[in-house]
C-alpha atoms as a PDB file:
ATOM      1  CA  MET A   1       6.292 -18.190 -30.121  1.00  0.00           C
ATOM      2  CA  ASN A   2       4.588 -14.836 -29.607  1.00  0.00           C
ATOM      3  CA  LEU A   3       2.421 -16.193 -26.665  1.00  0.00           C
ATOM      4  CA  ILE A   4       5.559 -17.133 -24.910  1.00  0.00           C
ATOM      5  CA  LEU A   5       7.046 -13.685 -25.486  1.00  0.00           C
ATOM      6  CA  TYR A   6       3.777 -12.183 -24.349  1.00  0.00           C
ATOM      7  CA  ASP A   7       3.636 -14.140 -21.090  1.00  0.00           C
ATOM      8  CA  THR A   8       7.302 -13.411 -20.449  1.00  0.00           C
ATOM      9  CA  PHE A   9       6.440  -9.668 -20.963  1.00  0.00           C
ATOM     10  CA  LEU A  10       3.452  -9.762 -18.504  1.00  0.00           C
ATOM     11  CA  PHE A  11       5.623 -11.733 -15.917  1.00  0.00           C
ATOM     12  CA  TYR A  12       8.091  -8.980 -15.917  1.00  0.00           C
ATOM     13  CA  VAL A  13       5.586  -6.089 -15.679  1.00  0.00           C
ATOM     14  CA  ARG A  14       3.844  -7.965 -12.884  1.00  0.00           C
ATOM     15  CA  GLU A  15       6.980  -8.437 -10.951  1.00  0.00           C
ATOM     16  CA  SER A  16       8.102  -4.875 -11.484  1.00  0.00           C
ATOM     17  CA  ILE A  17       4.670  -3.516 -10.312  1.00  0.00           C
ATOM     18  CA  ALA A  18       4.733  -5.825  -7.330  1.00  0.00           C
ATOM     19  CA  ALA A  19       8.277  -4.816  -6.451  1.00  0.00           C
ATOM     20  CA  ILE A  20       7.182  -1.168  -6.634  1.00  0.00           C
ATOM     21  CA  GLY A  21       4.274  -1.776  -4.007  1.00  0.00           C
ATOM     22  CA  VAL A  22       6.885  -3.430  -1.935  1.00  0.00           C
ATOM     23  CA  ALA A  23       9.271  -0.652  -2.070  1.00  0.00           C
ATOM     24  CA  VAL A  24       6.415   1.938  -1.336  1.00  0.00           C
ATOM     25  CA  ILE A  25       5.535   0.182   1.878  1.00  0.00           C
ATOM     26  CA  ILE A  26       9.279  -0.407   2.822  1.00  0.00           C
ATOM     27  CA  ILE A  27       9.989   3.378   2.092  1.00  0.00           C
ATOM     28  CA  GLY A  28       6.747   4.268   4.176  1.00  0.00           C
ATOM     29  CA  ALA A  29       7.852   2.233   7.104  1.00  0.00           C
ATOM     30  CA  LEU A  30      11.297   3.664   7.030  1.00  0.00           C
ATOM     31  CA  ARG A  31       9.989   7.179   7.035  1.00  0.00           C
ATOM     32  CA  SER A  32       7.707   6.552   9.780  1.00  0.00           C
ATOM     33  CA  LEU A  33      10.411   5.094  11.944  1.00  0.00           C
ATOM     34  CA  CYS A  34      12.531   8.219  11.195  1.00  0.00           C
ATOM     35  CA  GLN A  35       9.497  10.420  12.278  1.00  0.00           C
ATOM     36  CA  LEU A  36       8.879   8.371  15.308  1.00  0.00           C
ATOM     37  CA  TYR A  37      12.518   8.798  16.214  1.00  0.00           C
ATOM     38  CA  LEU A  38      12.044  12.582  16.098  1.00  0.00           C
ATOM     39  CA  VAL A  39       9.088  12.470  18.286  1.00  0.00           C
ATOM     40  CA  CYS A  40      11.095  10.663  20.927  1.00  0.00           C
ATOM     41  CA  VAL A  41      14.022  12.971  20.801  1.00  0.00           C
ATOM     42  CA  HIS A  42      12.421  16.232  19.849  1.00  0.00           C
ATOM     43  CA  ARG A  43       8.683  15.929  20.387  1.00  0.00           C
ATOM     44  CA  THR A  44       8.192  17.698  17.230  1.00  0.00           C
ATOM     45  CA  LEU A  45       5.681  15.536  15.238  1.00  0.00           C
ATOM     46  CA  ASP A  46       2.104  14.220  16.123  1.00  0.00           C
ATOM     47  CA  LEU A  47       1.791  10.436  16.472  1.00  0.00           C
ATOM     48  CA  ASN A  48      -1.546  10.593  14.595  1.00  0.00           C
ATOM     49  CA  TYR A  49       0.250  12.203  11.666  1.00  0.00           C
ATOM     50  CA  ILE A  50       2.942   9.403  11.605  1.00  0.00           C
ATOM     51  CA  ARG A  51       0.197   6.632  11.979  1.00  0.00           C
ATOM     52  CA  LEU A  52      -1.858   8.120   9.029  1.00  0.00           C
ATOM     53  CA  GLN A  53       1.148   8.630   6.744  1.00  0.00           C
ATOM     54  CA  PHE A  54       2.262   5.057   7.320  1.00  0.00           C
ATOM     55  CA  GLY A  55      -1.515   3.717   6.668  1.00  0.00           C
ATOM     56  CA  ASN A  56      -1.428   5.723   3.459  1.00  0.00           C
ATOM     57  CA  SER A  57       1.925   4.152   2.425  1.00  0.00           C
ATOM     58  CA  VAL A  58       0.310   0.596   3.156  1.00  0.00           C
ATOM     59  CA  ILE A  59      -2.687   1.384   1.159  1.00  0.00           C
ATOM     60  CA  LEU A  60      -0.738   2.689  -1.733  1.00  0.00           C
ATOM     61  CA  GLY A  61       1.591  -0.323  -1.708  1.00  0.00           C
ATOM     62  CA  LEU A  62      -1.444  -2.507  -1.703  1.00  0.00           C
ATOM     63  CA  GLU A  63      -2.829  -0.836  -4.643  1.00  0.00           C
ATOM     64  CA  PHE A  64       0.344  -1.667  -6.520  1.00  0.00           C
ATOM     65  CA  MET A  65       0.172  -5.088  -5.535  1.00  0.00           C
ATOM     66  CA  VAL A  66      -3.548  -5.411  -6.560  1.00  0.00           C
ATOM     67  CA  GLY A  67      -2.411  -4.241  -9.972  1.00  0.00           C
ATOM     68  CA  ALA A  68       0.356  -6.610 -10.175  1.00  0.00           C
ATOM     69  CA  ASP A  69      -2.054  -9.535  -9.387  1.00  0.00           C
ATOM     70  CA  ILE A  70      -4.593  -8.264 -11.926  1.00  0.00           C
ATOM     71  CA  VAL A  71      -1.714  -8.249 -14.562  1.00  0.00           C
ATOM     72  CA  GLY A  72      -0.876 -11.970 -13.018  1.00  0.00           C
ATOM     73  CA  SER A  73      -4.340 -13.229 -13.621  1.00  0.00           C
ATOM     74  CA  LEU A  74      -3.818 -12.410 -17.376  1.00  0.00           C
ATOM     75  CA  ILE A  75      -0.855 -14.929 -17.446  1.00  0.00           C
ATOM     76  CA  SER A  76      -2.475 -17.727 -15.539  1.00  0.00           C
ATOM     77  CA  PRO A  77      -6.133 -17.118 -14.828  1.00  0.00           C
ATOM     78  CA  ASP A  78      -6.951 -19.832 -12.084  1.00  0.00           C
ATOM     79  CA  TYR A  79      -8.910 -19.756  -8.896  1.00  0.00           C
ATOM     80  CA  TYR A  80      -5.951 -19.470  -6.513  1.00  0.00           C
ATOM     81  CA  ASN A  81      -4.818 -16.225  -8.323  1.00  0.00           C
ATOM     82  CA  ILE A  82      -8.370 -14.928  -8.362  1.00  0.00           C
ATOM     83  CA  GLY A  83      -8.875 -15.814  -4.552  1.00  0.00           C
ATOM     84  CA  LEU A  84      -5.645 -14.109  -3.617  1.00  0.00           C
ATOM     85  CA  LEU A  85      -6.681 -11.076  -5.464  1.00  0.00           C
ATOM     86  CA  ALA A  86      -9.758 -11.005  -3.867  1.00  0.00           C
ATOM     87  CA  ILE A  87      -8.189 -11.399  -0.412  1.00  0.00           C
ATOM     88  CA  ILE A  88      -5.895  -8.304  -1.189  1.00  0.00           C
ATOM     89  CA  VAL A  89      -8.605  -6.111  -2.456  1.00  0.00           C
ATOM     90  CA  LEU A  90     -10.507  -7.012   0.756  1.00  0.00           C
ATOM     91  CA  ILE A  91      -7.681  -6.123   3.100  1.00  0.00           C
ATOM     92  CA  ARG A  92      -7.040  -2.982   1.209  1.00  0.00           C
ATOM     93  CA  THR A  93     -10.717  -1.975   1.520  1.00  0.00           C
ATOM     94  CA  VAL A  94     -10.856  -2.541   5.050  1.00  0.00           C
ATOM     95  CA  LEU A  95      -7.503  -0.638   5.729  1.00  0.00           C
ATOM     96  CA  SER A  96      -8.769   2.279   3.771  1.00  0.00           C
ATOM     97  CA  TYR A  97     -12.254   2.274   5.567  1.00  0.00           C
ATOM     98  CA  PHE A  98     -10.702   2.367   9.005  1.00  0.00           C
ATOM     99  CA  LEU A  99      -7.980   4.859   7.918  1.00  0.00           C
ATOM    100  CA  ASN A 100     -10.840   7.151   6.817  1.00  0.00           C
ATOM    101  CA  LEU A 101     -12.820   6.601  10.110  1.00  0.00           C
ATOM    102  CA  GLU A 102      -9.725   7.678  12.093  1.00  0.00           C
ATOM    103  CA  LEU A 103      -9.231  10.616  10.075  1.00  0.00           C
ATOM    104  CA  GLN A 104     -12.781  11.672  10.598  1.00  0.00           C
ATOM    105  CA  ALA A 105     -12.645  11.186  14.283  1.00  0.00           C
ATOM    106  CA  LEU A 106      -9.804  13.869  14.364  1.00  0.00           C
ATOM    107  CA  SER A 107     -10.685  17.293  15.522  1.00  0.00           C
ATOM    108  CA  PRO A 108     -10.356  20.073  12.937  1.00  0.00           C
ATOM    109  CA  GLN A 109      -7.127  21.194  14.555  1.00  0.00           C
ATOM    110  CA  GLU A 110      -5.563  17.910  14.306  1.00  0.00           C
ATOM    111  CA  ARG A 111      -6.797  17.513  10.743  1.00  0.00           C
ATOM    112  CA  LYS A 112      -5.202  20.782   9.861  1.00  0.00           C
ATOM    113  CA  SER A 113      -1.919  20.017  11.441  1.00  0.00           C
ATOM    114  CA  ILE A 114      -1.779  16.697   9.552  1.00  0.00           C
ATOM    115  CA  ALA A 115      -2.500  18.316   6.083  1.00  0.00           C
END
């Protein structure tokens, strides 16, 4: 009985963490769309700023999804779940690497305007 309760609790924890990750990505996308609209209308923001902010939102959302998959692997540890976790971690690592490369390629003035 306790094992079923434990699995049910972990299932809801996993789904909650995954939902937070999806919400972070959606909110980041909506924020980027609003900022893009402002760029088109008023020319007030930098496109690099929008791209980097959205990239950070995607990376943060993927972090939550990795956490959800780690909790999910406690419920049913099989090769499929572990492979899925490895793929998500790989995607997150590649995105983070290239986002950091783009940030390093910016001039000091561009970095200062983004910060």
